[in-house]
Amino acid sequence: METATIIGFTLVAVLIAFTGYAIYIAFGPPSAELSDPFEDHED
C-alpha cells in the first residue's frame, strides 16, 4: 500500500473512534454524571 492510503485509513479510523467515544459519553452510562448548565442557572 502507498503511504497516503495508510495515512488516510488511519485518519478515518481515528475520526470514527473519536465520534463513537463522543456518542458513548453523551448518551451512554457516563451521561448520568453530566449536568445541564441551563437547568442549573434558571431564574
N, C-alpha and C. Protein backbone atom coordinates (compact mmCIF):
# COMPACT_ATOMS: atom_id res chain seq x y z
N MET A 1 0.83 -1.19 0.00
CA MET A 1 0.00 0.00 0.00
C MET A 1 0.87 1.24 0.00
N GLU A 2 0.31 2.28 -0.57
CA GLU A 2 1.04 3.54 -0.56
C GLU A 2 0.91 4.22 0.80
N THR A 3 1.84 5.09 1.09
CA THR A 3 1.84 5.79 2.37
C THR A 3 0.59 6.65 2.54
N ALA A 4 0.16 7.31 1.47
CA ALA A 4 -1.02 8.17 1.55
C ALA A 4 -2.28 7.37 1.89
N THR A 5 -2.38 6.15 1.37
CA THR A 5 -3.53 5.30 1.66
C THR A 5 -3.55 4.90 3.14
N ILE A 6 -2.39 4.55 3.66
CA ILE A 6 -2.30 4.16 5.07
C ILE A 6 -2.65 5.34 5.96
N ILE A 7 -2.14 6.52 5.64
CA ILE A 7 -2.45 7.71 6.43
C ILE A 7 -3.94 8.03 6.35
N GLY A 8 -4.52 7.90 5.18
CA GLY A 8 -5.95 8.15 5.01
C GLY A 8 -6.79 7.21 5.84
N PHE A 9 -6.48 5.90 5.79
CA PHE A 9 -7.21 4.93 6.60
C PHE A 9 -7.04 5.20 8.10
N THR A 10 -5.84 5.60 8.49
CA THR A 10 -5.58 5.90 9.89
C THR A 10 -6.41 7.09 10.36
N LEU A 11 -6.45 8.13 9.56
CA LEU A 11 -7.24 9.31 9.92
C LEU A 11 -8.73 8.99 9.99
N VAL A 12 -9.22 8.20 9.07
CA VAL A 12 -10.64 7.81 9.09
C VAL A 12 -10.93 6.97 10.32
N ALA A 13 -10.04 6.05 10.66
CA ALA A 13 -10.24 5.21 11.85
C ALA A 13 -10.24 6.05 13.13
N VAL A 14 -9.34 7.01 13.22
CA VAL A 14 -9.30 7.89 14.40
C VAL A 14 -10.57 8.73 14.48
N LEU A 15 -11.04 9.24 13.36
CA LEU A 15 -12.26 10.05 13.35
C LEU A 15 -13.47 9.22 13.77
N ILE A 16 -13.58 8.00 13.28
CA ILE A 16 -14.69 7.12 13.65
C ILE A 16 -14.60 6.76 15.14
N ALA A 17 -13.41 6.48 15.63
CA ALA A 17 -13.24 6.14 17.04
C ALA A 17 -13.60 7.32 17.94
N PHE A 18 -13.16 8.52 17.56
CA PHE A 18 -13.48 9.71 18.35
C PHE A 18 -14.98 9.98 18.36
N THR A 19 -15.63 9.83 17.21
CA THR A 19 -17.07 10.02 17.12
C THR A 19 -17.81 9.00 17.97
N GLY A 20 -17.40 7.75 17.92
CA GLY A 20 -18.02 6.72 18.74
C GLY A 20 -17.85 6.99 20.22
N TYR A 21 -16.68 7.43 20.62
CA TYR A 21 -16.44 7.75 22.02
C TYR A 21 -17.29 8.94 22.47
N ALA A 22 -17.41 9.94 21.63
CA ALA A 22 -18.23 11.11 21.97
C ALA A 22 -19.70 10.73 22.11
N ILE A 23 -20.19 9.87 21.24
CA ILE A 23 -21.58 9.41 21.35
C ILE A 23 -21.76 8.59 22.62
N TYR A 24 -20.79 7.76 22.96
CA TYR A 24 -20.86 6.96 24.18
C TYR A 24 -20.91 7.86 25.42
N ILE A 25 -20.07 8.89 25.45
CA ILE A 25 -20.05 9.81 26.59
C ILE A 25 -21.35 10.60 26.67
N ALA A 26 -21.89 11.02 25.52
CA ALA A 26 -23.08 11.86 25.51
C ALA A 26 -24.35 11.09 25.84
N PHE A 27 -24.47 9.84 25.39
CA PHE A 27 -25.72 9.11 25.52
C PHE A 27 -25.61 7.81 26.31
N GLY A 28 -24.42 7.36 26.62
CA GLY A 28 -24.24 6.11 27.33
C GLY A 28 -24.33 6.28 28.83
N PRO A 29 -23.92 5.27 29.58
CA PRO A 29 -23.98 5.33 31.04
C PRO A 29 -23.26 6.53 31.68
N PRO A 30 -22.11 6.97 31.13
CA PRO A 30 -21.46 8.13 31.76
C PRO A 30 -22.28 9.43 31.67
N SER A 31 -23.30 9.47 30.82
CA SER A 31 -24.08 10.69 30.68
C SER A 31 -24.89 11.01 31.93
N ALA A 32 -25.06 10.05 32.83
CA ALA A 32 -25.80 10.31 34.06
C ALA A 32 -25.06 11.33 34.94
N GLU A 33 -23.75 11.41 34.79
CA GLU A 33 -22.95 12.34 35.59
C GLU A 33 -22.90 13.74 34.98
N LEU A 34 -23.37 13.90 33.74
CA LEU A 34 -23.34 15.21 33.11
C LEU A 34 -24.46 16.07 33.64
N SER A 35 -24.22 17.37 33.73
CA SER A 35 -25.27 18.29 34.18
C SER A 35 -25.60 19.26 33.06
N ASP A 36 -26.82 19.78 33.11
CA ASP A 36 -27.26 20.75 32.12
C ASP A 36 -27.06 22.15 32.70
N PRO A 37 -26.14 22.93 32.15
CA PRO A 37 -25.86 24.25 32.73
C PRO A 37 -27.06 25.20 32.63
N PHE A 38 -27.95 24.99 31.68
CA PHE A 38 -29.13 25.85 31.57
C PHE A 38 -30.11 25.56 32.70
N GLU A 39 -30.23 24.30 33.10
CA GLU A 39 -31.11 23.96 34.22
C GLU A 39 -30.50 24.40 35.55
N ASP A 40 -29.18 24.41 35.63
CA ASP A 40 -28.51 24.80 36.87
C ASP A 40 -28.69 26.29 37.18
N HIS A 41 -28.89 27.11 36.15
CA HIS A 41 -28.92 28.56 36.35
C HIS A 41 -30.26 29.18 35.98
N GLU A 42 -31.34 28.43 36.16
CA GLU A 42 -32.66 29.00 35.87
C GLU A 42 -33.02 30.02 36.94
N ASP A 43 -33.67 31.09 36.52
CA ASP A 43 -34.08 32.12 37.48
C ASP A 43 -35.52 31.97 37.86
